[in-house]
Amino acid sequence: MKLNYYPETDSLYIDLSERTSVESREISEGVVLDYDADGNLVGIDIDNAGVKVDIQKLTVSKLPAPETALANQGMHPTAQKPGGG
C-alpha cells in the first residue's frame, strides 16, 4: 500500500494495489474509489485532503507481521526452498 500526497492539488491518493484502475466512483464530494477490471478496490482519491484528513499524522497499528502474512499464504515463515535454498 502506498500513500501519495500531491500538495499542488491538495489531494491524497491511497494505492491499495498495483492493479490498474478501470472504473471510478465518487462516493462523497471529493472522495473517489478506483476499481480494477474484476471490481476490486485498488485506490482511494481524496480531494482537498488538507481539510478532510490530518495529513500531518499517520498512525499504523496492528499490521500482520511478515510471518503472519506468509502463513496466510499457506507458507511457513522458516520454510526452505526445495534443494536447501
PDB file of N, CA and C in Angstrom:
ATOM      1  N   MET A   1       0.857  -1.171   0.000  1.00  0.00           N
ATOM      2  CA  MET A   1       0.000   0.000   0.000  1.00  0.00           C
ATOM      3  C   MET A   1       0.902   1.232   0.000  1.00  0.00           C
ATOM      4  N   LYS A   2       0.502   2.226  -0.767  1.00  0.00           N
ATOM      5  CA  LYS A   2       1.268   3.466  -0.841  1.00  0.00           C
ATOM      6  C   LYS A   2       0.340   4.653  -0.629  1.00  0.00           C
ATOM      7  N   LEU A   3       0.817   5.632   0.122  1.00  0.00           N
ATOM      8  CA  LEU A   3       0.092   6.887   0.287  1.00  0.00           C
ATOM      9  C   LEU A   3       0.875   7.966  -0.441  1.00  0.00           C
ATOM     10  N   ASN A   4       0.213   8.676  -1.337  1.00  0.00           N
ATOM     11  CA  ASN A   4       0.850   9.730  -2.117  1.00  0.00           C
ATOM     12  C   ASN A   4       0.077  11.026  -1.925  1.00  0.00           C
ATOM     13  N   TYR A   5       0.769  12.046  -1.418  1.00  0.00           N
ATOM     14  CA  TYR A   5       0.148  13.359  -1.249  1.00  0.00           C
ATOM     15  C   TYR A   5       0.679  14.288  -2.329  1.00  0.00           C
ATOM     16  N   TYR A   6      -0.209  15.015  -2.983  1.00  0.00           N
ATOM     17  CA  TYR A   6       0.138  15.952  -4.045  1.00  0.00           C
ATOM     18  C   TYR A   6      -0.220  17.360  -3.583  1.00  0.00           C
ATOM     19  N   PRO A   7       0.773  18.113  -3.057  1.00  0.00           N
ATOM     20  CA  PRO A   7       0.485  19.438  -2.494  1.00  0.00           C
ATOM     21  C   PRO A   7      -0.052  20.434  -3.515  1.00  0.00           C
ATOM     22  N   GLU A   8       0.353  20.306  -4.786  1.00  0.00           N
ATOM     23  CA  GLU A   8      -0.111  21.253  -5.796  1.00  0.00           C
ATOM     24  C   GLU A   8      -1.626  21.177  -6.020  1.00  0.00           C
ATOM     25  N   THR A   9      -2.218  20.016  -5.726  1.00  0.00           N
ATOM     26  CA  THR A   9      -3.675  19.870  -5.870  1.00  0.00           C
ATOM     27  C   THR A   9      -4.357  19.564  -4.537  1.00  0.00           C
ATOM     28  N   ASP A  10      -3.562  19.471  -3.453  1.00  0.00           N
ATOM     29  CA  ASP A  10      -4.064  19.109  -2.128  1.00  0.00           C
ATOM     30  C   ASP A  10      -4.898  17.837  -2.202  1.00  0.00           C
ATOM     31  N   SER A  11      -4.340  16.818  -2.877  1.00  0.00           N
ATOM     32  CA  SER A  11      -5.047  15.544  -2.966  1.00  0.00           C
ATOM     33  C   SER A  11      -4.171  14.424  -2.405  1.00  0.00           C
ATOM     34  N   LEU A  12      -4.831  13.442  -1.845  1.00  0.00           N
ATOM     35  CA  LEU A  12      -4.172  12.273  -1.279  1.00  0.00           C
ATOM     36  C   LEU A  12      -4.670  11.065  -2.053  1.00  0.00           C
ATOM     37  N   TYR A  13      -3.732  10.276  -2.569  1.00  0.00           N
ATOM     38  CA  TYR A  13      -4.118   9.045  -3.255  1.00  0.00           C
ATOM     39  C   TYR A  13      -3.554   7.877  -2.480  1.00  0.00           C
ATOM     40  N   ILE A  14      -4.408   6.928  -2.162  1.00  0.00           N
ATOM     41  CA  ILE A  14      -4.007   5.729  -1.437  1.00  0.00           C
ATOM     42  C   ILE A  14      -4.059   4.570  -2.420  1.00  0.00           C
ATOM     43  N   ASP A  15      -2.877   4.083  -2.790  1.00  0.00           N
ATOM     44  CA  ASP A  15      -2.765   2.920  -3.675  1.00  0.00           C
ATOM     45  C   ASP A  15      -2.928   1.672  -2.829  1.00  0.00           C
ATOM     46  N   LEU A  16      -3.950   0.898  -3.093  1.00  0.00           N
ATOM     47  CA  LEU A  16      -4.178  -0.332  -2.346  1.00  0.00           C
ATOM     48  C   LEU A  16      -3.638  -1.553  -3.074  1.00  0.00           C
ATOM     49  N   SER A  17      -3.372  -1.390  -4.360  1.00  0.00           N
ATOM     50  CA  SER A  17      -2.943  -2.497  -5.192  1.00  0.00           C
ATOM     51  C   SER A  17      -2.126  -1.968  -6.356  1.00  0.00           C
ATOM     52  N   GLU A  18      -1.347  -2.833  -6.970  1.00  0.00           N
ATOM     53  CA  GLU A  18      -0.573  -2.466  -8.151  1.00  0.00           C
ATOM     54  C   GLU A  18      -1.426  -2.589  -9.418  1.00  0.00           C
ATOM     55  N   ARG A  19      -2.638  -3.099  -9.273  1.00  0.00           N
ATOM     56  CA  ARG A  19      -3.503  -3.310 -10.434  1.00  0.00           C
ATOM     57  C   ARG A  19      -4.011  -1.988 -10.981  1.00  0.00           C
ATOM     58  N   THR A  20      -4.291  -1.967 -12.262  1.00  0.00           N
ATOM     59  CA  THR A  20      -4.735  -0.766 -12.957  1.00  0.00           C
ATOM     60  C   THR A  20      -6.207  -0.485 -12.692  1.00  0.00           C
ATOM     61  N   SER A  21      -6.507   0.766 -12.454  1.00  0.00           N
ATOM     62  CA  SER A  21      -7.887   1.196 -12.253  1.00  0.00           C
ATOM     63  C   SER A  21      -8.584   1.326 -13.608  1.00  0.00           C
ATOM     64  N   VAL A  22      -9.794   0.764 -13.692  1.00  0.00           N
ATOM     65  CA  VAL A  22     -10.575   0.885 -14.926  1.00  0.00           C
ATOM     66  C   VAL A  22     -11.920   1.563 -14.695  1.00  0.00           C
ATOM     67  N   GLU A  23     -12.271   1.735 -13.421  1.00  0.00           N
ATOM     68  CA  GLU A  23     -13.553   2.361 -13.087  1.00  0.00           C
ATOM     69  C   GLU A  23     -13.393   3.176 -11.813  1.00  0.00           C
ATOM     70  N   SER A  24     -14.057   4.320 -11.771  1.00  0.00           N
ATOM     71  CA  SER A  24     -14.013   5.182 -10.594  1.00  0.00           C
ATOM     72  C   SER A  24     -15.425   5.558 -10.191  1.00  0.00           C
ATOM     73  N   ARG A  25     -15.653   5.633  -8.878  1.00  0.00           N
ATOM     74  CA  ARG A  25     -16.966   6.040  -8.354  1.00  0.00           C
ATOM     75  C   ARG A  25     -16.762   7.056  -7.241  1.00  0.00           C
ATOM     76  N   GLU A  26     -17.409   8.207  -7.385  1.00  0.00           N
ATOM     77  CA  GLU A  26     -17.355   9.212  -6.328  1.00  0.00           C
ATOM     78  C   GLU A  26     -18.387   8.830  -5.276  1.00  0.00           C
ATOM     79  N   ILE A  27     -17.913   8.561  -4.059  1.00  0.00           N
ATOM     80  CA  ILE A  27     -18.827   8.118  -3.002  1.00  0.00           C
ATOM     81  C   ILE A  27     -19.290   9.262  -2.119  1.00  0.00           C
ATOM     82  N   SER A  28     -18.561  10.359  -2.120  1.00  0.00           N
ATOM     83  CA  SER A  28     -18.975  11.592  -1.470  1.00  0.00           C
ATOM     84  C   SER A  28     -18.175  12.703  -2.138  1.00  0.00           C
ATOM     85  N   GLU A  29     -18.521  13.928  -1.858  1.00  0.00           N
ATOM     86  CA  GLU A  29     -17.860  15.034  -2.544  1.00  0.00           C
ATOM     87  C   GLU A  29     -16.342  14.975  -2.367  1.00  0.00           C
ATOM     88  N   GLY A  30     -15.634  14.775  -3.485  1.00  0.00           N
ATOM     89  CA  GLY A  30     -14.183  14.756  -3.453  1.00  0.00           C
ATOM     90  C   GLY A  30     -13.538  13.477  -2.983  1.00  0.00           C
ATOM     91  N   VAL A  31     -14.314  12.418  -2.816  1.00  0.00           N
ATOM     92  CA  VAL A  31     -13.762  11.117  -2.426  1.00  0.00           C
ATOM     93  C   VAL A  31     -14.154  10.102  -3.500  1.00  0.00           C
ATOM     94  N   VAL A  32     -13.129   9.587  -4.178  1.00  0.00           N
ATOM     95  CA  VAL A  32     -13.357   8.694  -5.316  1.00  0.00           C
ATOM     96  C   VAL A  32     -12.689   7.351  -5.051  1.00  0.00           C
ATOM     97  N   LEU A  33     -13.436   6.282  -5.290  1.00  0.00           N
ATOM     98  CA  LEU A  33     -12.901   4.928  -5.172  1.00  0.00           C
ATOM     99  C   LEU A  33     -12.580   4.419  -6.571  1.00  0.00           C
ATOM    100  N   ASP A  34     -11.407   3.805  -6.735  1.00  0.00           N
ATOM    101  CA  ASP A  34     -10.986   3.248  -8.013  1.00  0.00           C
ATOM    102  C   ASP A  34     -11.028   1.726  -7.941  1.00  0.00           C
ATOM    103  N   TYR A  35     -11.530   1.107  -9.023  1.00  0.00           N
ATOM    104  CA  TYR A  35     -11.688  -0.342  -9.089  1.00  0.00           C
ATOM    105  C   TYR A  35     -10.961  -0.906 -10.298  1.00  0.00           C
ATOM    106  N   ASP A  36     -10.498  -2.154 -10.189  1.00  0.00           N
ATOM    107  CA  ASP A  36      -9.863  -2.818 -11.320  1.00  0.00           C
ATOM    108  C   ASP A  36     -10.928  -3.509 -12.176  1.00  0.00           C
ATOM    109  N   ALA A  37     -10.501  -4.223 -13.202  1.00  0.00           N
ATOM    110  CA  ALA A  37     -11.425  -4.872 -14.134  1.00  0.00           C
ATOM    111  C   ALA A  37     -12.276  -5.944 -13.472  1.00  0.00           C
ATOM    112  N   ASP A  38     -11.799  -6.495 -12.343  1.00  0.00           N
ATOM    113  CA  ASP A  38     -12.556  -7.522 -11.625  1.00  0.00           C
ATOM    114  C   ASP A  38     -13.461  -6.946 -10.541  1.00  0.00           C
ATOM    115  N   GLY A  39     -13.494  -5.618 -10.422  1.00  0.00           N
ATOM    116  CA  GLY A  39     -14.332  -4.976  -9.414  1.00  0.00           C
ATOM    117  C   GLY A  39     -13.689  -4.846  -8.051  1.00  0.00           C
ATOM    118  N   ASN A  40     -12.391  -5.123  -7.955  1.00  0.00           N
ATOM    119  CA  ASN A  40     -11.673  -5.000  -6.684  1.00  0.00           C
ATOM    120  C   ASN A  40     -11.236  -3.553  -6.465  1.00  0.00           C
ATOM    121  N   LEU A  41     -11.349  -3.089  -5.243  1.00  0.00           N
ATOM    122  CA  LEU A  41     -10.917  -1.743  -4.886  1.00  0.00           C
ATOM    123  C   LEU A  41      -9.397  -1.671  -4.974  1.00  0.00           C
ATOM    124  N   VAL A  42      -8.871  -0.725  -5.768  1.00  0.00           N
ATOM    125  CA  VAL A  42      -7.428  -0.605  -5.944  1.00  0.00           C
ATOM    126  C   VAL A  42      -6.876   0.734  -5.481  1.00  0.00           C
ATOM    127  N   GLY A  43      -7.747   1.722  -5.236  1.00  0.00           N
ATOM    128  CA  GLY A  43      -7.257   3.014  -4.802  1.00  0.00           C
ATOM    129  C   GLY A  43      -8.348   3.928  -4.290  1.00  0.00           C
ATOM    130  N   ILE A  44      -7.928   4.911  -3.512  1.00  0.00           N
ATOM    131  CA  ILE A  44      -8.839   5.913  -2.953  1.00  0.00           C
ATOM    132  C   ILE A  44      -8.227   7.278  -3.201  1.00  0.00           C
ATOM    133  N   ASP A  45      -8.976   8.155  -3.831  1.00  0.00           N
ATOM    134  CA  ASP A  45      -8.516   9.514  -4.125  1.00  0.00           C
ATOM    135  C   ASP A  45      -9.322  10.487  -3.276  1.00  0.00           C
ATOM    136  N   ILE A  46      -8.626  11.328  -2.516  1.00  0.00           N
ATOM    137  CA  ILE A  46      -9.284  12.300  -1.645  1.00  0.00           C
ATOM    138  C   ILE A  46      -8.845  13.701  -2.051  1.00  0.00           C
ATOM    139  N   ASP A  47      -9.771  14.465  -2.616  1.00  0.00           N
ATOM    140  CA  ASP A  47      -9.506  15.858  -2.967  1.00  0.00           C
ATOM    141  C   ASP A  47      -9.652  16.735  -1.735  1.00  0.00           C
ATOM    142  N   ASN A  48      -8.953  17.872  -1.720  1.00  0.00           N
ATOM    143  CA  ASN A  48      -8.954  18.775  -0.561  1.00  0.00           C
ATOM    144  C   ASN A  48      -8.583  18.016   0.709  1.00  0.00           C
ATOM    145  N   ALA A  49      -7.555  17.184   0.587  1.00  0.00           N
ATOM    146  CA  ALA A  49      -7.150  16.311   1.686  1.00  0.00           C
ATOM    147  C   ALA A  49      -6.770  17.083   2.938  1.00  0.00           C
ATOM    148  N   GLY A  50      -6.196  18.268   2.768  1.00  0.00           N
ATOM    149  CA  GLY A  50      -5.793  19.056   3.930  1.00  0.00           C
ATOM    150  C   GLY A  50      -6.958  19.449   4.818  1.00  0.00           C
ATOM    151  N   VAL A  51      -8.147  19.472   4.252  1.00  0.00           N
ATOM    152  CA  VAL A  51      -9.350  19.812   5.002  1.00  0.00           C
ATOM    153  C   VAL A  51     -10.039  18.558   5.541  1.00  0.00           C
ATOM    154  N   LYS A  52      -9.955  17.463   4.784  1.00  0.00           N
ATOM    155  CA  LYS A  52     -10.711  16.253   5.126  1.00  0.00           C
ATOM    156  C   LYS A  52      -9.981  15.279   6.038  1.00  0.00           C
ATOM    157  N   VAL A  53      -8.656  15.267   5.975  1.00  0.00           N
ATOM    158  CA  VAL A  53      -7.888  14.330   6.797  1.00  0.00           C
ATOM    159  C   VAL A  53      -6.687  15.043   7.410  1.00  0.00           C
ATOM    160  N   ASP A  54      -6.164  14.480   8.475  1.00  0.00           N
ATOM    161  CA  ASP A  54      -4.966  15.027   9.112  1.00  0.00           C
ATOM    162  C   ASP A  54      -3.757  14.458   8.380  1.00  0.00           C
ATOM    163  N   ILE A  55      -3.290  15.165   7.350  1.00  0.00           N
ATOM    164  CA  ILE A  55      -2.201  14.651   6.525  1.00  0.00           C
ATOM    165  C   ILE A  55      -0.834  14.767   7.199  1.00  0.00           C
ATOM    166  N   GLN A  56      -0.768  15.426   8.336  1.00  0.00           N
ATOM    167  CA  GLN A  56       0.488  15.565   9.063  1.00  0.00           C
ATOM    168  C   GLN A  56       0.769  14.360   9.965  1.00  0.00           C
ATOM    169  N   LYS A  57      -0.241  13.498  10.142  1.00  0.00           N
ATOM    170  CA  LYS A  57      -0.091  12.389  11.080  1.00  0.00           C
ATOM    171  C   LYS A  57      -0.554  11.094  10.423  1.00  0.00           C
ATOM    172  N   LEU A  58       0.268  10.073  10.552  1.00  0.00           N
ATOM    173  CA  LEU A  58      -0.074   8.749  10.056  1.00  0.00           C
ATOM    174  C   LEU A  58       0.189   7.755  11.167  1.00  0.00           C
ATOM    175  N   THR A  59      -0.823   7.032  11.549  1.00  0.00           N
ATOM    176  CA  THR A  59      -0.686   6.019  12.583  1.00  0.00           C
ATOM    177  C   THR A  59      -0.950   4.661  11.964  1.00  0.00           C
ATOM    178  N   VAL A  60      -0.047   3.751  12.172  1.00  0.00           N
ATOM    179  CA  VAL A  60      -0.183   2.391  11.666  1.00  0.00           C
ATOM    180  C   VAL A  60      -0.234   1.474  12.875  1.00  0.00           C
ATOM    181  N   SER A  61      -1.247   0.641  12.935  1.00  0.00           N
ATOM    182  CA  SER A  61      -1.339  -0.260  14.081  1.00  0.00           C
ATOM    183  C   SER A  61      -1.837  -1.634  13.656  1.00  0.00           C
ATOM    184  N   LYS A  62      -1.373  -2.610  14.366  1.00  0.00           N
ATOM    185  CA  LYS A  62      -1.802  -3.995  14.239  1.00  0.00           C
ATOM    186  C   LYS A  62      -1.679  -4.557  12.824  1.00  0.00           C
ATOM    187  N   LEU A  63      -0.608  -4.187  12.132  1.00  0.00           N
ATOM    188  CA  LEU A  63      -0.346  -4.811  10.844  1.00  0.00           C
ATOM    189  C   LEU A  63       0.157  -6.220  11.084  1.00  0.00           C
ATOM    190  N   PRO A  64      -0.162  -7.148  10.185  1.00  0.00           N
ATOM    191  CA  PRO A  64       0.353  -8.503  10.405  1.00  0.00           C
ATOM    192  C   PRO A  64       1.866  -8.526  10.242  1.00  0.00           C
ATOM    193  N   ALA A  65       2.501  -9.304  11.096  1.00  0.00           N
ATOM    194  CA  ALA A  65       3.948  -9.485  10.978  1.00  0.00           C
ATOM    195  C   ALA A  65       4.220 -10.261   9.701  1.00  0.00           C
ATOM    196  N   PRO A  66       5.421 -10.155   9.143  1.00  0.00           N
ATOM    197  CA  PRO A  66       5.719 -10.901   7.918  1.00  0.00           C
ATOM    198  C   PRO A  66       5.419 -12.392   8.048  1.00  0.00           C
ATOM    199  N   GLU A  67       5.639 -12.968   9.227  1.00  0.00           N
ATOM    200  CA  GLU A  67       5.349 -14.382   9.435  1.00  0.00           C
ATOM    201  C   GLU A  67       3.861 -14.659   9.259  1.00  0.00           C
ATOM    202  N   THR A  68       3.014 -13.761   9.771  1.00  0.00           N
ATOM    203  CA  THR A  68       1.576 -13.929   9.656  1.00  0.00           C
ATOM    204  C   THR A  68       1.153 -13.823   8.200  1.00  0.00           C
ATOM    205  N   ALA A  69       1.721 -12.888   7.477  1.00  0.00           N
ATOM    206  CA  ALA A  69       1.381 -12.723   6.066  1.00  0.00           C
ATOM    207  C   ALA A  69       1.756 -13.970   5.286  1.00  0.00           C
ATOM    208  N   LEU A  70       2.916 -14.547   5.586  1.00  0.00           N
ATOM    209  CA  LEU A  70       3.326 -15.775   4.911  1.00  0.00           C
ATOM    210  C   LEU A  70       2.398 -16.931   5.269  1.00  0.00           C
ATOM    211  N   ALA A  71       2.025 -17.022   6.539  1.00  0.00           N
ATOM    212  CA  ALA A  71       1.141 -18.097   6.970  1.00  0.00           C
ATOM    213  C   ALA A  71      -0.212 -18.000   6.276  1.00  0.00           C
ATOM    214  N   ASN A  72      -0.693 -16.794   6.068  1.00  0.00           N
ATOM    215  CA  ASN A  72      -1.968 -16.611   5.379  1.00  0.00           C
ATOM    216  C   ASN A  72      -1.887 -17.035   3.924  1.00  0.00           C
ATOM    217  N   GLN A  73      -0.675 -17.099   3.375  1.00  0.00           N
ATOM    218  CA  GLN A  73      -0.481 -17.547   2.003  1.00  0.00           C
ATOM    219  C   GLN A  73      -0.175 -19.032   1.951  1.00  0.00           C
ATOM    220  N   GLY A  74      -0.295 -19.728   3.089  1.00  0.00           N
ATOM    221  CA  GLY A  74      -0.055 -21.158   3.142  1.00  0.00           C
ATOM    222  C   GLY A  74       1.424 -21.517   3.200  1.00  0.00           C
ATOM    223  N   MET A  75       2.258 -20.562   3.594  1.00  0.00           N
ATOM    224  CA  MET A  75       3.698 -20.801   3.668  1.00  0.00           C
ATOM    225  C   MET A  75       4.150 -20.683   5.115  1.00  0.00           C
ATOM    226  N   HIS A  76       5.112 -21.456   5.492  1.00  0.00           N
ATOM    227  CA  HIS A  76       5.687 -21.346   6.822  1.00  0.00           C
ATOM    228  C   HIS A  76       6.854 -20.372   6.733  1.00  0.00           C
ATOM    229  N   PRO A  77       6.968 -19.398   7.651  1.00  0.00           N
ATOM    230  CA  PRO A  77       7.994 -18.368   7.555  1.00  0.00           C
ATOM    231  C   PRO A  77       9.419 -18.907   7.571  1.00  0.00           C
ATOM    232  N   THR A  78       9.661 -20.089   8.142  1.00  0.00           N
ATOM    233  CA  THR A  78      11.011 -20.625   8.186  1.00  0.00           C
ATOM    234  C   THR A  78      11.219 -21.728   7.157  1.00  0.00           C
ATOM    235  N   ALA A  79      10.232 -21.952   6.316  1.00  0.00           N
ATOM    236  CA  ALA A  79      10.347 -22.999   5.301  1.00  0.00           C
ATOM    237  C   ALA A  79      11.458 -22.665   4.327  1.00  0.00           C
ATOM    238  N   GLN A  80      12.169 -23.700   3.908  1.00  0.00           N
ATOM    239  CA  GLN A  80      13.233 -23.524   2.932  1.00  0.00           C
ATOM    240  C   GLN A  80      12.744 -24.017   1.585  1.00  0.00           C
ATOM    241  N   LYS A  81      13.350 -23.469   0.542  1.00  0.00           N
ATOM    242  CA  LYS A  81      13.036 -23.907  -0.809  1.00  0.00           C
ATOM    243  C   LYS A  81      13.568 -25.314  -0.998  1.00  0.00           C
ATOM    244  N   PRO A  82      12.924 -26.101  -1.873  1.00  0.00           N
ATOM    245  CA  PRO A  82      13.463 -27.441  -2.159  1.00  0.00           C
ATOM    246  C   PRO A  82      14.921 -27.344  -2.587  1.00  0.00           C
ATOM    247  N   GLY A  83      15.730 -28.284  -2.164  1.00  0.00           N
ATOM    248  CA  GLY A  83      17.142 -28.282  -2.505  1.00  0.00           C
ATOM    249  C   GLY A  83      17.980 -27.528  -1.497  1.00  0.00           C
ATOM    250  N   GLY A  84      17.354 -27.088  -0.382  1.00  0.00           N
ATOM    251  CA  GLY A  84      18.094 -26.422   0.685  1.00  0.00           C
ATOM    252  C   GLY A  84      18.311 -24.946   0.464  1.00  0.00           C
ATOM    253  N   GLY A  85      17.724 -24.329  -0.576  1.00  0.00           N
ATOM    254  CA  GLY A  85      17.985 -22.934  -0.885  1.00  0.00           C
ATOM    255  C   GLY A  85      17.153 -22.003  -0.191  1.00  0.00           C
TER     256      GLY A  85
END
